[in-house]
Amino acid sequence: MITDAMRVFVTVAEQRHFSRAGELLNLSQPGVSLHIRNLENELGSKLLHRSPKEVRLTEAGAILYKHAKQILAHYEEAGREIQLLQDEVTGSLHLGASFTIGEYILPGRLAEFAKQYPQVNLQVTIGNTEEIIAAVKANVLDMGFIEGETGDAELDIIPYMKDEMILVAASGHPLAGALTTDYDLLQNQIWVLREPGSGTRAYSDHFLQEGSLSAKRAYVFNSSQGIKEAVAAGLGITLISRWIVRKELASGEIAELRVRQKLPDRDFLIIRRKENTVAMANRVFMEKLLLSKENKFSE
């Protein structure tokens, strides 16, 4: 196979020596030389400068080396995906997610996974970011999805996707009709906030602090659904993920308040305990998730 020849070529290029490459690949030196010669004949170009001490890439060899690395990586990835089709994935998977991810993003991903791997028992726990981190560290959850940041040394932290945060109010709110909302108009407003420990609350607190904004009054809810309903009823304004209010924005029940300076996106992260062994269902779900991930809100 051409991949065999490319693997030999890449190993020779990296080891800069035919004999060392042969030892690593369990090939004789004549066998290594044959693969290289076949490649050179097929491409019609000299790929290596040979000397008694070392082997160096020619200009053509450098080009092939770059592309051969990419081809081998894609070939190995294809092999892993094909193997997943042949392996029977069973067992259980207990996931945890903060509210935005658990209520608005994860259900669709789980439905796709369950359709392909119906023998995996799935369980999902939804809580705020601090609760999910604690449950993953305590080995209660196999994997967690959180909003915001964590630098916990006990966890593997994997970026998943970006989340667009927006400022919203009821469609009848005095600020709702403005094309843009200056920061001074946000002074002494009534805010609807998530509870401490929530990733959304941490984002909101940072926004208020950075803008030196004071709240006339604040109402606290411990769920995204509660926040959404409260804002739609006219209780106050809030910062919230676009995922959560996309239907209400489309219907006109809730209005987006556009501030002059774009609000920064926040990160959705996957967290797992640092360990050497991962169950098959966990590994497969992670690979599927990262292969299909979106880098930013787009639905």
C-alpha atoms as a PDB file:
ATOM      1  CA  MET A   1       0.000   0.000   0.000  1.00  0.00           C
ATOM      2  CA  ILE A   2       1.109   3.545  -0.695  1.00  0.00           C
ATOM      3  CA  THR A   3       0.602   4.331   3.000  1.00  0.00           C
ATOM      4  CA  ASP A   4       3.270   1.759   3.876  1.00  0.00           C
ATOM      5  CA  ALA A   5       5.767   3.491   1.621  1.00  0.00           C
ATOM      6  CA  MET A   6       4.838   6.894   3.050  1.00  0.00           C
ATOM      7  CA  ARG A   7       5.223   5.623   6.606  1.00  0.00           C
ATOM      8  CA  VAL A   8       8.707   4.331   5.732  1.00  0.00           C
ATOM      9  CA  PHE A   9       9.607   7.633   4.070  1.00  0.00           C
ATOM     10  CA  VAL A  10       8.399   9.710   7.034  1.00  0.00           C
ATOM     11  CA  THR A  11      10.329   7.532   9.479  1.00  0.00           C
ATOM     12  CA  VAL A  12      13.534   7.808   7.442  1.00  0.00           C
ATOM     13  CA  ALA A  13      13.094  11.584   7.189  1.00  0.00           C
ATOM     14  CA  GLU A  14      12.607  11.910  10.944  1.00  0.00           C
ATOM     15  CA  GLN A  15      15.383   9.495  11.932  1.00  0.00           C
ATOM     16  CA  ARG A  16      17.728  10.744   9.186  1.00  0.00           C
ATOM     17  CA  HIS A  17      19.043   7.215   8.890  1.00  0.00           C
ATOM     18  CA  PHE A  18      17.956   4.113   6.940  1.00  0.00           C
ATOM     19  CA  SER A  19      19.101   1.586   9.537  1.00  0.00           C
ATOM     20  CA  ARG A  20      17.406   3.323  12.501  1.00  0.00           C
ATOM     21  CA  ALA A  21      14.207   3.650  10.489  1.00  0.00           C
ATOM     22  CA  GLY A  22      14.379  -0.042   9.623  1.00  0.00           C
ATOM     23  CA  GLU A  23      14.785  -0.980  13.294  1.00  0.00           C
ATOM     24  CA  LEU A  24      11.745   1.074  14.279  1.00  0.00           C
ATOM     25  CA  LEU A  25       9.630  -0.388  11.476  1.00  0.00           C
ATOM     26  CA  ASN A  26      11.008  -3.928  11.782  1.00  0.00           C
ATOM     27  CA  LEU A  27      12.260  -3.793   8.179  1.00  0.00           C
ATOM     28  CA  SER A  28      15.620  -4.657   6.670  1.00  0.00           C
ATOM     29  CA  GLN A  29      17.683  -1.827   5.240  1.00  0.00           C
ATOM     30  CA  PRO A  30      17.162  -3.166   1.687  1.00  0.00           C
ATOM     31  CA  GLY A  31      13.415  -3.193   2.374  1.00  0.00           C
ATOM     32  CA  VAL A  32      13.535   0.442   3.496  1.00  0.00           C
ATOM     33  CA  SER A  33      15.566   1.382   0.430  1.00  0.00           C
ATOM     34  CA  LEU A  34      13.060  -0.377  -1.848  1.00  0.00           C
ATOM     35  CA  HIS A  35      10.123   1.650  -0.467  1.00  0.00           C
ATOM     36  CA  ILE A  36      12.034   4.912  -0.936  1.00  0.00           C
ATOM     37  CA  ARG A  37      13.147   3.954  -4.452  1.00  0.00           C
ATOM     38  CA  ASN A  38       9.574   3.054  -5.452  1.00  0.00           C
ATOM     39  CA  LEU A  39       8.339   6.428  -4.214  1.00  0.00           C
ATOM     40  CA  GLU A  40      11.056   8.285  -6.080  1.00  0.00           C
ATOM     41  CA  ASN A  41      10.266   6.354  -9.277  1.00  0.00           C
ATOM     42  CA  GLU A  42       6.549   6.992  -8.926  1.00  0.00           C
ATOM     43  CA  LEU A  43       7.015  10.724  -8.307  1.00  0.00           C
ATOM     44  CA  GLY A  44       9.875  11.118 -10.739  1.00  0.00           C
ATOM     45  CA  SER A  45      12.001  13.058  -8.282  1.00  0.00           C
ATOM     46  CA  LYS A  46      14.850  12.461  -5.844  1.00  0.00           C
ATOM     47  CA  LEU A  47      13.480  12.685  -2.291  1.00  0.00           C
ATOM     48  CA  LEU A  48      16.572  12.190  -0.121  1.00  0.00           C
ATOM     49  CA  HIS A  49      20.214  13.242  -0.071  1.00  0.00           C
ATOM     50  CA  ARG A  50      22.158  10.219   1.180  1.00  0.00           C
ATOM     51  CA  SER A  51      25.533  10.352   2.911  1.00  0.00           C
ATOM     52  CA  PRO A  52      27.420   7.876   5.144  1.00  0.00           C
ATOM     53  CA  LYS A  53      26.484   9.888   8.263  1.00  0.00           C
ATOM     54  CA  GLU A  54      22.895  10.988   7.676  1.00  0.00           C
ATOM     55  CA  VAL A  55      19.998  11.398   5.288  1.00  0.00           C
ATOM     56  CA  ARG A  56      18.555  14.813   4.394  1.00  0.00           C
ATOM     57  CA  LEU A  57      15.387  15.776   2.554  1.00  0.00           C
ATOM     58  CA  THR A  58      15.606  17.281  -0.907  1.00  0.00           C
ATOM     59  CA  GLU A  59      13.244  20.134  -1.777  1.00  0.00           C
ATOM     60  CA  ALA A  60      10.847  17.604  -3.287  1.00  0.00           C
ATOM     61  CA  GLY A  61      11.270  15.400  -0.213  1.00  0.00           C
ATOM     62  CA  ALA A  62      10.308  18.270   2.081  1.00  0.00           C
ATOM     63  CA  ILE A  63       7.081  18.763   0.136  1.00  0.00           C
ATOM     64  CA  LEU A  64       6.239  15.069   0.265  1.00  0.00           C
ATOM     65  CA  TYR A  65       7.072  14.876   3.985  1.00  0.00           C
ATOM     66  CA  LYS A  66       4.556  17.623   4.819  1.00  0.00           C
ATOM     67  CA  HIS A  67       1.764  15.995   2.828  1.00  0.00           C
ATOM     68  CA  ALA A  68       2.664  12.433   3.863  1.00  0.00           C
ATOM     69  CA  LYS A  69       2.239  13.390   7.538  1.00  0.00           C
ATOM     70  CA  GLN A  70      -1.241  14.734   6.792  1.00  0.00           C
ATOM     71  CA  ILE A  71      -2.201  11.707   4.678  1.00  0.00           C
ATOM     72  CA  LEU A  72      -1.094   9.268   7.391  1.00  0.00           C
ATOM     73  CA  ALA A  73      -2.993  11.199  10.060  1.00  0.00           C
ATOM     74  CA  HIS A  74      -6.180  11.134   7.957  1.00  0.00           C
ATOM     75  CA  TYR A  75      -5.703   7.439   7.204  1.00  0.00           C
ATOM     76  CA  GLU A  76      -5.365   6.595  10.908  1.00  0.00           C
ATOM     77  CA  GLU A  77      -8.421   8.690  11.750  1.00  0.00           C
ATOM     78  CA  ALA A  78     -10.431   6.884   9.067  1.00  0.00           C
ATOM     79  CA  GLY A  79      -9.330   3.566  10.547  1.00  0.00           C
ATOM     80  CA  ARG A  80     -10.524   4.615  13.993  1.00  0.00           C
ATOM     81  CA  GLU A  81     -13.923   5.704  12.654  1.00  0.00           C
ATOM     82  CA  ILE A  82     -14.347   2.449  10.712  1.00  0.00           C
ATOM     83  CA  GLN A  83     -13.407   0.458  13.807  1.00  0.00           C
ATOM     84  CA  LEU A  84     -16.128   2.251  15.748  1.00  0.00           C
ATOM     85  CA  LEU A  85     -18.662   0.948  13.238  1.00  0.00           C
ATOM     86  CA  GLN A  86     -17.496  -2.618  13.881  1.00  0.00           C
ATOM     87  CA  ASP A  87     -17.140  -2.492  17.662  1.00  0.00           C
ATOM     88  CA  GLU A  88     -20.176  -3.126  19.797  1.00  0.00           C
ATOM     89  CA  VAL A  89     -20.429  -0.204  22.185  1.00  0.00           C
ATOM     90  CA  THR A  90     -22.239  -1.051  25.405  1.00  0.00           C
ATOM     91  CA  GLY A  91     -22.150   0.007  29.042  1.00  0.00           C
ATOM     92  CA  SER A  92     -23.344   3.180  30.703  1.00  0.00           C
ATOM     93  CA  LEU A  93     -22.540   6.853  30.428  1.00  0.00           C
ATOM     94  CA  HIS A  94     -23.416   9.337  33.164  1.00  0.00           C
ATOM     95  CA  LEU A  95     -23.040  12.899  31.957  1.00  0.00           C
ATOM     96  CA  GLY A  96     -23.417  16.172  33.789  1.00  0.00           C
ATOM     97  CA  ALA A  97     -24.102  19.550  32.228  1.00  0.00           C
ATOM     98  CA  SER A  98     -24.722  23.097  33.285  1.00  0.00           C
ATOM     99  CA  PHE A  99     -28.160  24.417  32.406  1.00  0.00           C
ATOM    100  CA  THR A 100     -27.608  26.024  28.997  1.00  0.00           C
ATOM    101  CA  ILE A 101     -25.783  22.999  27.598  1.00  0.00           C
ATOM    102  CA  GLY A 102     -27.906  20.404  29.383  1.00  0.00           C
ATOM    103  CA  GLU A 103     -31.253  21.869  28.357  1.00  0.00           C
ATOM    104  CA  TYR A 104     -30.579  23.304  24.907  1.00  0.00           C
ATOM    105  CA  ILE A 105     -27.553  21.597  23.289  1.00  0.00           C
ATOM    106  CA  LEU A 106     -26.892  18.157  24.778  1.00  0.00           C
ATOM    107  CA  PRO A 107     -30.327  16.541  24.139  1.00  0.00           C
ATOM    108  CA  GLY A 108     -29.861  16.674  20.365  1.00  0.00           C
ATOM    109  CA  ARG A 109     -26.335  15.270  20.587  1.00  0.00           C
ATOM    110  CA  LEU A 110     -27.518  12.448  22.847  1.00  0.00           C
ATOM    111  CA  ALA A 111     -30.380  11.565  20.489  1.00  0.00           C
ATOM    112  CA  GLU A 112     -27.889  11.104  17.626  1.00  0.00           C
ATOM    113  CA  PHE A 113     -25.613   8.976  19.805  1.00  0.00           C
ATOM    114  CA  ALA A 114     -28.463   6.832  21.183  1.00  0.00           C
ATOM    115  CA  LYS A 115     -29.708   6.101  17.678  1.00  0.00           C
ATOM    116  CA  GLN A 116     -26.303   4.725  16.667  1.00  0.00           C
ATOM    117  CA  TYR A 117     -25.480   3.025  19.985  1.00  0.00           C
ATOM    118  CA  PRO A 118     -28.818   1.949  21.504  1.00  0.00           C
ATOM    119  CA  GLN A 119     -27.194  -0.464  23.982  1.00  0.00           C
ATOM    120  CA  VAL A 120     -25.509   2.339  25.945  1.00  0.00           C
ATOM    121  CA  ASN A 121     -27.443   3.397  29.026  1.00  0.00           C
ATOM    122  CA  LEU A 122     -27.459   7.204  29.209  1.00  0.00           C
ATOM    123  CA  GLN A 123     -28.069   9.341  32.265  1.00  0.00           C
ATOM    124  CA  VAL A 124     -27.821  13.132  32.463  1.00  0.00           C
ATOM    125  CA  THR A 125     -27.576  15.327  35.564  1.00  0.00           C
ATOM    126  CA  ILE A 126     -28.137  19.066  35.155  1.00  0.00           C
ATOM    127  CA  GLY A 127     -26.746  21.569  37.661  1.00  0.00           C
ATOM    128  CA  ASN A 128     -24.758  24.761  37.782  1.00  0.00           C
ATOM    129  CA  THR A 129     -21.089  24.869  36.817  1.00  0.00           C
ATOM    130  CA  GLU A 130     -19.725  24.459  40.352  1.00  0.00           C
ATOM    131  CA  GLU A 131     -21.984  21.459  40.996  1.00  0.00           C
ATOM    132  CA  ILE A 132     -20.924  19.715  37.782  1.00  0.00           C
ATOM    133  CA  ILE A 133     -17.216  20.269  38.499  1.00  0.00           C
ATOM    134  CA  ALA A 134     -17.609  18.832  42.003  1.00  0.00           C
ATOM    135  CA  ALA A 135     -19.525  15.775  40.728  1.00  0.00           C
ATOM    136  CA  VAL A 136     -16.911  14.995  38.059  1.00  0.00           C
ATOM    137  CA  LYS A 137     -14.089  15.250  40.598  1.00  0.00           C
ATOM    138  CA  ALA A 138     -16.015  13.003  42.993  1.00  0.00           C
ATOM    139  CA  ASN A 139     -16.330  10.332  40.280  1.00  0.00           C
ATOM    140  CA  VAL A 140     -20.122  10.653  40.270  1.00  0.00           C
ATOM    141  CA  LEU A 141     -20.093  11.753  36.613  1.00  0.00           C
ATOM    142  CA  ASP A 142     -18.090  10.291  33.728  1.00  0.00           C
ATOM    143  CA  MET A 143     -17.942  13.619  31.930  1.00  0.00           C
ATOM    144  CA  GLY A 144     -19.164  17.167  32.451  1.00  0.00           C
ATOM    145  CA  PHE A 145     -20.099  20.118  30.256  1.00  0.00           C
ATOM    146  CA  ILE A 146     -19.697  23.549  31.789  1.00  0.00           C
ATOM    147  CA  GLU A 147     -20.011  27.226  30.892  1.00  0.00           C
ATOM    148  CA  GLY A 148     -17.102  29.492  31.700  1.00  0.00           C
ATOM    149  CA  GLU A 149     -13.637  28.760  32.993  1.00  0.00           C
ATOM    150  CA  THR A 150     -11.988  26.348  35.388  1.00  0.00           C
ATOM    151  CA  GLY A 151      -8.301  25.805  36.047  1.00  0.00           C
ATOM    152  CA  ASP A 152      -8.678  22.746  38.265  1.00  0.00           C
ATOM    153  CA  ALA A 153      -5.500  20.673  38.065  1.00  0.00           C
ATOM    154  CA  GLU A 154      -7.423  17.434  38.710  1.00  0.00           C
ATOM    155  CA  LEU A 155      -9.358  17.738  35.453  1.00  0.00           C
ATOM    156  CA  ASP A 156      -8.740  17.371  31.746  1.00  0.00           C
ATOM    157  CA  ILE A 157     -10.322  20.461  30.178  1.00  0.00           C
ATOM    158  CA  ILE A 158     -11.306  20.258  26.497  1.00  0.00           C
ATOM    159  CA  PRO A 159     -12.742  23.250  24.582  1.00  0.00           C
ATOM    160  CA  TYR A 160     -16.046  22.286  22.967  1.00  0.00           C
ATOM    161  CA  MET A 161     -17.681  25.322  21.375  1.00  0.00           C
ATOM    162  CA  LYS A 162     -18.270  29.057  21.670  1.00  0.00           C
ATOM    163  CA  ASP A 163     -21.461  30.525  23.113  1.00  0.00           C
ATOM    164  CA  GLU A 164     -22.851  33.925  22.161  1.00  0.00           C
ATOM    165  CA  MET A 165     -24.119  35.898  25.142  1.00  0.00           C
ATOM    166  CA  ILE A 166     -26.685  38.653  24.536  1.00  0.00           C
ATOM    167  CA  LEU A 167     -28.513  41.275  26.591  1.00  0.00           C
ATOM    168  CA  VAL A 168     -32.295  40.895  26.476  1.00  0.00           C
ATOM    169  CA  ALA A 169     -35.493  42.383  27.859  1.00  0.00           C
ATOM    170  CA  ALA A 170     -39.231  42.016  27.340  1.00  0.00           C
ATOM    171  CA  SER A 171     -40.369  43.451  24.008  1.00  0.00           C
ATOM    172  CA  GLY A 172     -42.241  46.196  25.895  1.00  0.00           C
ATOM    173  CA  HIS A 173     -39.235  47.317  27.964  1.00  0.00           C
ATOM    174  CA  PRO A 174     -38.261  51.020  27.546  1.00  0.00           C
ATOM    175  CA  LEU A 175     -34.842  50.028  26.171  1.00  0.00           C
ATOM    176  CA  ALA A 176     -36.220  47.536  23.667  1.00  0.00           C
ATOM    177  CA  GLY A 177     -36.862  50.019  20.889  1.00  0.00           C
ATOM    178  CA  ALA A 178     -33.357  51.518  20.762  1.00  0.00           C
ATOM    179  CA  LEU A 179     -31.059  50.635  17.859  1.00  0.00           C
ATOM    180  CA  THR A 180     -28.128  50.592  20.279  1.00  0.00           C
ATOM    181  CA  THR A 181     -27.979  50.773  24.057  1.00  0.00           C
ATOM    182  CA  ASP A 182     -25.293  52.882  25.711  1.00  0.00           C
ATOM    183  CA  TYR A 183     -23.797  51.635  28.948  1.00  0.00           C
ATOM    184  CA  ASP A 184     -25.102  54.664  30.843  1.00  0.00           C
ATOM    185  CA  LEU A 185     -28.666  53.562  30.029  1.00  0.00           C
ATOM    186  CA  LEU A 186     -27.948  50.291  31.850  1.00  0.00           C
ATOM    187  CA  GLN A 187     -27.295  52.083  35.144  1.00  0.00           C
ATOM    188  CA  ASN A 188     -29.854  51.430  37.894  1.00  0.00           C
ATOM    189  CA  GLN A 189     -31.801  48.889  35.873  1.00  0.00           C
ATOM    190  CA  ILE A 190     -33.609  45.915  37.378  1.00  0.00           C
ATOM    191  CA  TRP A 191     -31.629  42.755  36.609  1.00  0.00           C
ATOM    192  CA  VAL A 192     -32.682  39.112  36.535  1.00  0.00           C
ATOM    193  CA  LEU A 193     -29.687  36.941  37.442  1.00  0.00           C
ATOM    194  CA  ARG A 194     -28.723  33.303  37.911  1.00  0.00           C
ATOM    195  CA  GLU A 195     -27.589  32.041  41.299  1.00  0.00           C
ATOM    196  CA  PRO A 196     -23.944  32.232  42.486  1.00  0.00           C
ATOM    197  CA  GLY A 197     -21.970  29.238  41.203  1.00  0.00           C
ATOM    198  CA  SER A 198     -23.560  29.453  37.779  1.00  0.00           C
ATOM    199  CA  GLY A 199     -21.360  30.149  34.750  1.00  0.00           C
ATOM    200  CA  THR A 200     -23.956  32.649  33.524  1.00  0.00           C
ATOM    201  CA  ARG A 201     -23.874  34.435  36.882  1.00  0.00           C
ATOM    202  CA  ALA A 202     -20.081  34.678  36.747  1.00  0.00           C
ATOM    203  CA  TYR A 203     -20.327  36.185  33.254  1.00  0.00           C
ATOM    204  CA  SER A 204     -23.013  38.671  34.388  1.00  0.00           C
ATOM    205  CA  ASP A 205     -21.069  39.725  37.485  1.00  0.00           C
ATOM    206  CA  HIS A 206     -17.994  40.354  35.329  1.00  0.00           C
ATOM    207  CA  PHE A 207     -20.039  42.414  32.858  1.00  0.00           C
ATOM    208  CA  LEU A 208     -21.536  44.589  35.607  1.00  0.00           C
ATOM    209  CA  GLN A 209     -18.162  45.063  37.258  1.00  0.00           C
ATOM    210  CA  GLU A 210     -16.352  45.922  34.022  1.00  0.00           C
ATOM    211  CA  GLY A 211     -19.011  48.473  33.101  1.00  0.00           C
ATOM    212  CA  SER A 212     -19.161  49.910  36.647  1.00  0.00           C
ATOM    213  CA  LEU A 213     -22.900  49.270  36.533  1.00  0.00           C
ATOM    214  CA  SER A 214     -25.132  49.391  39.600  1.00  0.00           C
ATOM    215  CA  ALA A 215     -28.387  47.458  39.783  1.00  0.00           C
ATOM    216  CA  LYS A 216     -31.522  49.145  41.060  1.00  0.00           C
ATOM    217  CA  ARG A 217     -32.698  45.706  42.125  1.00  0.00           C
ATOM    218  CA  ALA A 218     -31.807  42.108  41.280  1.00  0.00           C
ATOM    219  CA  TYR A 219     -33.970  38.993  41.190  1.00  0.00           C
ATOM    220  CA  VAL A 220     -32.208  35.633  41.331  1.00  0.00           C
ATOM    221  CA  PHE A 221     -33.391  32.389  39.700  1.00  0.00           C
ATOM    222  CA  ASN A 222     -31.625  29.030  39.708  1.00  0.00           C
ATOM    223  CA  SER A 223     -32.624  27.958  36.190  1.00  0.00           C
ATOM    224  CA  SER A 224     -32.370  29.312  32.671  1.00  0.00           C
ATOM    225  CA  GLN A 225     -36.059  28.641  32.093  1.00  0.00           C
ATOM    226  CA  GLY A 226     -36.954  30.748  35.126  1.00  0.00           C
ATOM    227  CA  ILE A 227     -34.760  33.591  33.872  1.00  0.00           C
ATOM    228  CA  LYS A 228     -36.388  33.481  30.456  1.00  0.00           C
ATOM    229  CA  GLU A 229     -39.931  33.490  31.796  1.00  0.00           C
ATOM    230  CA  ALA A 230     -39.176  36.300  34.245  1.00  0.00           C
ATOM    231  CA  VAL A 231     -37.688  38.515  31.542  1.00  0.00           C
ATOM    232  CA  ALA A 232     -40.553  37.808  29.139  1.00  0.00           C
ATOM    233  CA  ALA A 233     -42.981  38.823  31.904  1.00  0.00           C
ATOM    234  CA  GLY A 234     -41.208  42.185  32.232  1.00  0.00           C
ATOM    235  CA  LEU A 235     -39.413  41.619  35.519  1.00  0.00           C
ATOM    236  CA  GLY A 236     -36.096  43.037  34.286  1.00  0.00           C
ATOM    237  CA  ILE A 237     -33.168  42.659  31.894  1.00  0.00           C
ATOM    238  CA  THR A 238     -30.596  39.866  31.756  1.00  0.00           C
ATOM    239  CA  LEU A 239     -27.520  38.493  30.030  1.00  0.00           C
ATOM    240  CA  ILE A 240     -28.273  35.105  28.561  1.00  0.00           C
ATOM    241  CA  SER A 241     -27.108  32.633  25.930  1.00  0.00           C
ATOM    242  CA  ARG A 242     -28.708  33.086  22.525  1.00  0.00           C
ATOM    243  CA  TRP A 243     -29.410  29.324  22.563  1.00  0.00           C
ATOM    244  CA  ILE A 244     -31.940  29.820  25.347  1.00  0.00           C
ATOM    245  CA  VAL A 245     -34.036  32.623  23.847  1.00  0.00           C
ATOM    246  CA  ARG A 246     -33.772  31.978  20.110  1.00  0.00           C
ATOM    247  CA  LYS A 247     -37.479  31.052  19.801  1.00  0.00           C
ATOM    248  CA  GLU A 248     -38.625  34.010  21.881  1.00  0.00           C
ATOM    249  CA  LEU A 249     -36.453  36.367  19.839  1.00  0.00           C
ATOM    250  CA  ALA A 250     -37.967  35.004  16.638  1.00  0.00           C
ATOM    251  CA  SER A 251     -41.524  35.425  17.960  1.00  0.00           C
ATOM    252  CA  GLY A 252     -40.850  38.950  19.292  1.00  0.00           C
ATOM    253  CA  GLU A 253     -41.709  38.017  22.873  1.00  0.00           C
ATOM    254  CA  ILE A 254     -38.203  39.011  23.970  1.00  0.00           C
ATOM    255  CA  ALA A 255     -36.033  41.737  22.436  1.00  0.00           C
ATOM    256  CA  GLU A 256     -32.259  41.847  22.121  1.00  0.00           C
ATOM    257  CA  LEU A 257     -30.657  45.029  23.506  1.00  0.00           C
ATOM    258  CA  ARG A 258     -27.685  45.776  21.275  1.00  0.00           C
ATOM    259  CA  VAL A 259     -24.861  47.449  23.162  1.00  0.00           C
ATOM    260  CA  ARG A 260     -22.310  49.457  21.182  1.00  0.00           C
ATOM    261  CA  GLN A 261     -19.439  47.125  22.028  1.00  0.00           C
ATOM    262  CA  LYS A 262     -20.010  43.465  21.150  1.00  0.00           C
ATOM    263  CA  LEU A 263     -20.251  41.224  24.169  1.00  0.00           C
ATOM    264  CA  PRO A 264     -17.434  38.669  24.364  1.00  0.00           C
ATOM    265  CA  ASP A 265     -18.297  35.041  23.658  1.00  0.00           C
ATOM    266  CA  ARG A 266     -17.839  32.518  26.418  1.00  0.00           C
ATOM    267  CA  ASP A 267     -16.510  28.984  26.213  1.00  0.00           C
ATOM    268  CA  PHE A 268     -18.365  25.735  26.639  1.00  0.00           C
ATOM    269  CA  LEU A 269     -15.922  23.186  28.034  1.00  0.00           C
ATOM    270  CA  ILE A 270     -15.847  19.414  28.451  1.00  0.00           C
ATOM    271  CA  ILE A 271     -14.274  18.225  31.686  1.00  0.00           C
ATOM    272  CA  ARG A 272     -13.094  14.745  32.736  1.00  0.00           C
ATOM    273  CA  ARG A 273     -10.964  13.347  35.511  1.00  0.00           C
ATOM    274  CA  LYS A 274      -7.340  12.826  34.623  1.00  0.00           C
ATOM    275  CA  GLU A 275      -6.990   9.082  34.251  1.00  0.00           C
ATOM    276  CA  ASN A 276      -5.341   6.555  31.968  1.00  0.00           C
ATOM    277  CA  THR A 277      -8.334   4.344  31.206  1.00  0.00           C
ATOM    278  CA  VAL A 278     -11.616   5.521  29.703  1.00  0.00           C
ATOM    279  CA  ALA A 279     -14.636   3.266  29.147  1.00  0.00           C
ATOM    280  CA  MET A 280     -15.561   2.493  25.531  1.00  0.00           C
ATOM    281  CA  ALA A 281     -18.903   4.340  25.693  1.00  0.00           C
ATOM    282  CA  ASN A 282     -17.154   7.407  27.135  1.00  0.00           C
ATOM    283  CA  ARG A 283     -14.421   7.378  24.485  1.00  0.00           C
ATOM    284  CA  VAL A 284     -16.811   6.872  21.578  1.00  0.00           C
ATOM    285  CA  PHE A 285     -19.171   9.591  22.767  1.00  0.00           C
ATOM    286  CA  MET A 286     -16.283  12.040  23.110  1.00  0.00           C
ATOM    287  CA  GLU A 287     -14.987  11.280  19.607  1.00  0.00           C
ATOM    288  CA  LYS A 288     -18.438  11.681  18.069  1.00  0.00           C
ATOM    289  CA  LEU A 289     -18.996  14.901  19.978  1.00  0.00           C
ATOM    290  CA  LEU A 290     -15.755  16.525  18.898  1.00  0.00           C
ATOM    291  CA  LEU A 291     -16.148  15.410  15.292  1.00  0.00           C
ATOM    292  CA  SER A 292     -19.564  17.076  15.058  1.00  0.00           C
ATOM    293  CA  LYS A 293     -18.901  20.108  17.229  1.00  0.00           C
ATOM    294  CA  GLU A 294     -19.764  23.618  16.114  1.00  0.00           C
ATOM    295  CA  ASN A 295     -17.266  26.321  16.968  1.00  0.00           C
ATOM    296  CA  LYS A 296     -19.894  28.925  17.587  1.00  0.00           C
ATOM    297  CA  PHE A 297     -23.640  29.350  17.970  1.00  0.00           C
ATOM    298  CA  SER A 298     -25.231  28.873  14.585  1.00  0.00           C
ATOM    299  CA  GLU A 299     -28.644  27.297  15.082  1.00  0.00           C
END
